[in-house]
C-alpha cells in the first residue's frame, strides 16, 4: 500500500475492513454507488456513470486505438516517439562530450 510499512496483523486488518466496506458499497443501489464514487473520485464518476445508470451509448460502435489515431489523422504514440528520437541530434550542441574518467565511482563485479 503505497510503500507504507506495516506488520502482518495491520495488513490483515486493513484488508478485512476494506473488503467489508467495498462489499457493503456493492450492495447499494447504483445511484448511491455513483454518489460515493463522485465523492471519492469525480473524474472516474464521469466514466462509470453510464454503466451504473444503464445508459445507452451515443455511438454503440467501438474503435480500436490504432483506427482511432488513423481516423483523427494523427500519428500513434509509438510513431510520435520514433519521430522524436529521429529528430534529436546525436549530441546536444550545448553539452560538452561526456568523459567517463579514469576510474568509476561504483564498480560492480
C-alpha atoms as a PDB file:
ATOM      1  CA  UNK A   1       0.000   0.000   0.000  1.00  0.00           C
ATOM      2  CA  UNK A   2       1.990   2.938  -1.233  1.00  0.00           C
ATOM      3  CA  UNK A   3       5.223   1.833   0.405  1.00  0.00           C
ATOM      4  CA  UNK A   4       3.730   2.058   3.902  1.00  0.00           C
ATOM      5  CA  UNK A   5       5.450  -0.339   6.256  1.00  0.00           C
ATOM      6  CA  UNK A   6       3.063  -2.314   8.404  1.00  0.00           C
ATOM      7  CA  UNK A   7       3.112  -5.662  10.107  1.00  0.00           C
ATOM      8  CA  UNK A   8       1.001  -8.617   9.005  1.00  0.00           C
ATOM      9  CA  UNK A   9      -1.678  -8.003  11.610  1.00  0.00           C
ATOM     10  CA  UNK A  10      -2.206  -4.405  10.457  1.00  0.00           C
ATOM     11  CA  UNK A  11      -2.207  -5.577   6.854  1.00  0.00           C
ATOM     12  CA  UNK A  12      -4.827  -8.229   7.583  1.00  0.00           C
ATOM     13  CA  UNK A  13      -6.971  -5.705   9.474  1.00  0.00           C
ATOM     14  CA  UNK A  14      -6.808  -3.184   6.603  1.00  0.00           C
ATOM     15  CA  UNK A  15      -7.720  -5.826   4.030  1.00  0.00           C
ATOM     16  CA  UNK A  16     -10.614  -7.099   6.144  1.00  0.00           C
ATOM     17  CA  UNK A  17     -12.026  -3.619   6.728  1.00  0.00           C
ATOM     18  CA  UNK A  18     -11.739  -2.700   3.040  1.00  0.00           C
ATOM     19  CA  UNK A  19     -13.405  -5.949   1.924  1.00  0.00           C
ATOM     20  CA  UNK A  20     -16.305  -5.332   4.283  1.00  0.00           C
ATOM     21  CA  UNK A  21     -16.641  -1.687   3.210  1.00  0.00           C
ATOM     22  CA  UNK A  22     -16.459  -2.462  -0.512  1.00  0.00           C
ATOM     23  CA  UNK A  23     -18.853  -5.385  -0.082  1.00  0.00           C
ATOM     24  CA  UNK A  24     -21.348  -3.091   1.639  1.00  0.00           C
ATOM     25  CA  UNK A  25     -20.995  -0.484  -1.118  1.00  0.00           C
ATOM     26  CA  UNK A  26     -21.550  -3.173  -3.762  1.00  0.00           C
ATOM     27  CA  UNK A  27     -24.929  -3.978  -2.168  1.00  0.00           C
ATOM     28  CA  UNK A  28     -26.160  -0.377  -2.501  1.00  0.00           C
ATOM     29  CA  UNK A  29     -28.332   0.768  -5.413  1.00  0.00           C
ATOM     30  CA  UNK A  30     -26.361   2.010  -8.411  1.00  0.00           C
ATOM     31  CA  UNK A  31     -27.322   5.647  -7.814  1.00  0.00           C
ATOM     32  CA  UNK A  32     -25.870   5.537  -4.300  1.00  0.00           C
ATOM     33  CA  UNK A  33     -22.738   3.799  -5.582  1.00  0.00           C
ATOM     34  CA  UNK A  34     -22.354   6.609  -8.108  1.00  0.00           C
ATOM     35  CA  UNK A  35     -22.722   9.217  -5.350  1.00  0.00           C
ATOM     36  CA  UNK A  36     -19.907   7.578  -3.386  1.00  0.00           C
ATOM     37  CA  UNK A  37     -17.705   7.391  -6.496  1.00  0.00           C
ATOM     38  CA  UNK A  38     -18.401  11.065  -7.252  1.00  0.00           C
ATOM     39  CA  UNK A  39     -17.299  11.938  -3.729  1.00  0.00           C
ATOM     40  CA  UNK A  40     -14.119   9.849  -3.842  1.00  0.00           C
ATOM     41  CA  UNK A  41     -13.111  10.231  -7.496  1.00  0.00           C
ATOM     42  CA  UNK A  42     -15.039  12.798  -9.570  1.00  0.00           C
ATOM     43  CA  UNK A  43     -13.161  12.014 -12.796  1.00  0.00           C
ATOM     44  CA  UNK A  44     -13.980   8.323 -12.502  1.00  0.00           C
ATOM     45  CA  UNK A  45     -17.649   9.051 -11.917  1.00  0.00           C
ATOM     46  CA  UNK A  46     -17.998  10.539 -15.413  1.00  0.00           C
ATOM     47  CA  UNK A  47     -16.737   7.289 -16.915  1.00  0.00           C
ATOM     48  CA  UNK A  48     -18.630   4.918 -14.634  1.00  0.00           C
ATOM     49  CA  UNK A  49     -21.985   6.780 -14.674  1.00  0.00           C
ATOM     50  CA  UNK A  50     -23.277   5.376 -17.994  1.00  0.00           C
ATOM     51  CA  UNK A  51     -22.586   1.839 -16.785  1.00  0.00           C
ATOM     52  CA  UNK A  52     -24.160   2.246 -13.349  1.00  0.00           C
ATOM     53  CA  UNK A  53     -27.163   4.152 -14.687  1.00  0.00           C
ATOM     54  CA  UNK A  54     -27.583   1.699 -17.597  1.00  0.00           C
ATOM     55  CA  UNK A  55     -27.486   4.428 -20.241  1.00  0.00           C
ATOM     56  CA  UNK A  56     -27.149   3.555 -23.898  1.00  0.00           C
ATOM     57  CA  UNK A  57     -24.042   4.968 -25.583  1.00  0.00           C
ATOM     58  CA  UNK A  58     -24.288   7.821 -28.098  1.00  0.00           C
ATOM     59  CA  UNK A  59     -22.378   5.661 -30.556  1.00  0.00           C
ATOM     60  CA  UNK A  60     -22.550   1.910 -29.885  1.00  0.00           C
ATOM     61  CA  UNK A  61     -19.593   1.199 -32.198  1.00  0.00           C
ATOM     62  CA  UNK A  62     -16.203   0.711 -30.628  1.00  0.00           C
ATOM     63  CA  UNK A  63     -12.967   1.571 -32.383  1.00  0.00           C
ATOM     64  CA  UNK A  64      -9.544   0.030 -31.913  1.00  0.00           C
ATOM     65  CA  UNK A  65      -6.904   2.529 -30.728  1.00  0.00           C
ATOM     66  CA  UNK A  66      -4.913   2.303 -33.978  1.00  0.00           C
ATOM     67  CA  UNK A  67      -8.048   3.003 -36.026  1.00  0.00           C
ATOM     68  CA  UNK A  68      -8.930   5.956 -33.776  1.00  0.00           C
ATOM     69  CA  UNK A  69      -5.489   7.538 -34.293  1.00  0.00           C
ATOM     70  CA  UNK A  70      -5.823   6.972 -38.051  1.00  0.00           C
ATOM     71  CA  UNK A  71      -9.319   8.481 -38.126  1.00  0.00           C
ATOM     72  CA  UNK A  72      -8.041  11.525 -36.220  1.00  0.00           C
ATOM     73  CA  UNK A  73      -5.207  11.772 -38.775  1.00  0.00           C
ATOM     74  CA  UNK A  74      -2.626  11.760 -36.005  1.00  0.00           C
ATOM     75  CA  UNK A  75       0.452   9.578 -35.626  1.00  0.00           C
ATOM     76  CA  UNK A  76       0.261   6.901 -32.950  1.00  0.00           C
ATOM     77  CA  UNK A  77       2.236   7.484 -29.750  1.00  0.00           C
ATOM     78  CA  UNK A  78       4.832   4.964 -30.937  1.00  0.00           C
ATOM     79  CA  UNK A  79       5.215   6.858 -34.238  1.00  0.00           C
ATOM     80  CA  UNK A  80       5.438  10.173 -32.380  1.00  0.00           C
ATOM     81  CA  UNK A  81       8.180   8.784 -30.141  1.00  0.00           C
ATOM     82  CA  UNK A  82      10.111   7.330 -33.098  1.00  0.00           C
ATOM     83  CA  UNK A  83       9.965  10.707 -34.862  1.00  0.00           C
ATOM     84  CA  UNK A  84      11.088  12.495 -31.697  1.00  0.00           C
ATOM     85  CA  UNK A  85      14.082  10.164 -31.357  1.00  0.00           C
ATOM     86  CA  UNK A  86      14.938  10.537 -35.053  1.00  0.00           C
ATOM     87  CA  UNK A  87      14.766  14.347 -34.818  1.00  0.00           C
ATOM     88  CA  UNK A  88      17.128  14.545 -31.837  1.00  0.00           C
ATOM     89  CA  UNK A  89      20.724  15.430 -32.564  1.00  0.00           C
ATOM     90  CA  UNK A  90      23.352  12.826 -31.686  1.00  0.00           C
ATOM     91  CA  UNK A  91      24.909  15.130 -29.096  1.00  0.00           C
ATOM     92  CA  UNK A  92      23.166  18.286 -27.991  1.00  0.00           C
ATOM     93  CA  UNK A  93      25.080  21.337 -29.207  1.00  0.00           C
ATOM     94  CA  UNK A  94      25.126  22.980 -25.791  1.00  0.00           C
ATOM     95  CA  UNK A  95      26.597  19.980 -23.967  1.00  0.00           C
ATOM     96  CA  UNK A  96      30.220  19.016 -23.683  1.00  0.00           C
ATOM     97  CA  UNK A  97      31.086  15.444 -24.614  1.00  0.00           C
ATOM     98  CA  UNK A  98      30.819  13.015 -21.753  1.00  0.00           C
ATOM     99  CA  UNK A  99      34.049  11.939 -20.107  1.00  0.00           C
ATOM    100  CA  UNK A 100      33.728   8.691 -18.209  1.00  0.00           C
ATOM    101  CA  UNK A 101      37.026   9.416 -16.436  1.00  0.00           C
ATOM    102  CA  UNK A 102      39.773   7.037 -15.499  1.00  0.00           C
ATOM    103  CA  UNK A 103      38.016   5.393 -12.581  1.00  0.00           C
ATOM    104  CA  UNK A 104      34.402   4.740 -11.924  1.00  0.00           C
ATOM    105  CA  UNK A 105      32.659   5.813  -8.753  1.00  0.00           C
ATOM    106  CA  UNK A 106      30.888   2.494  -8.331  1.00  0.00           C
ATOM    107  CA  UNK A 107      32.254  -0.760  -9.613  1.00  0.00           C
ATOM    108  CA  UNK A 108      30.079  -3.845  -9.690  1.00  0.00           C
ATOM    109  CA  UNK A 109      31.604  -7.227 -10.263  1.00  0.00           C
END
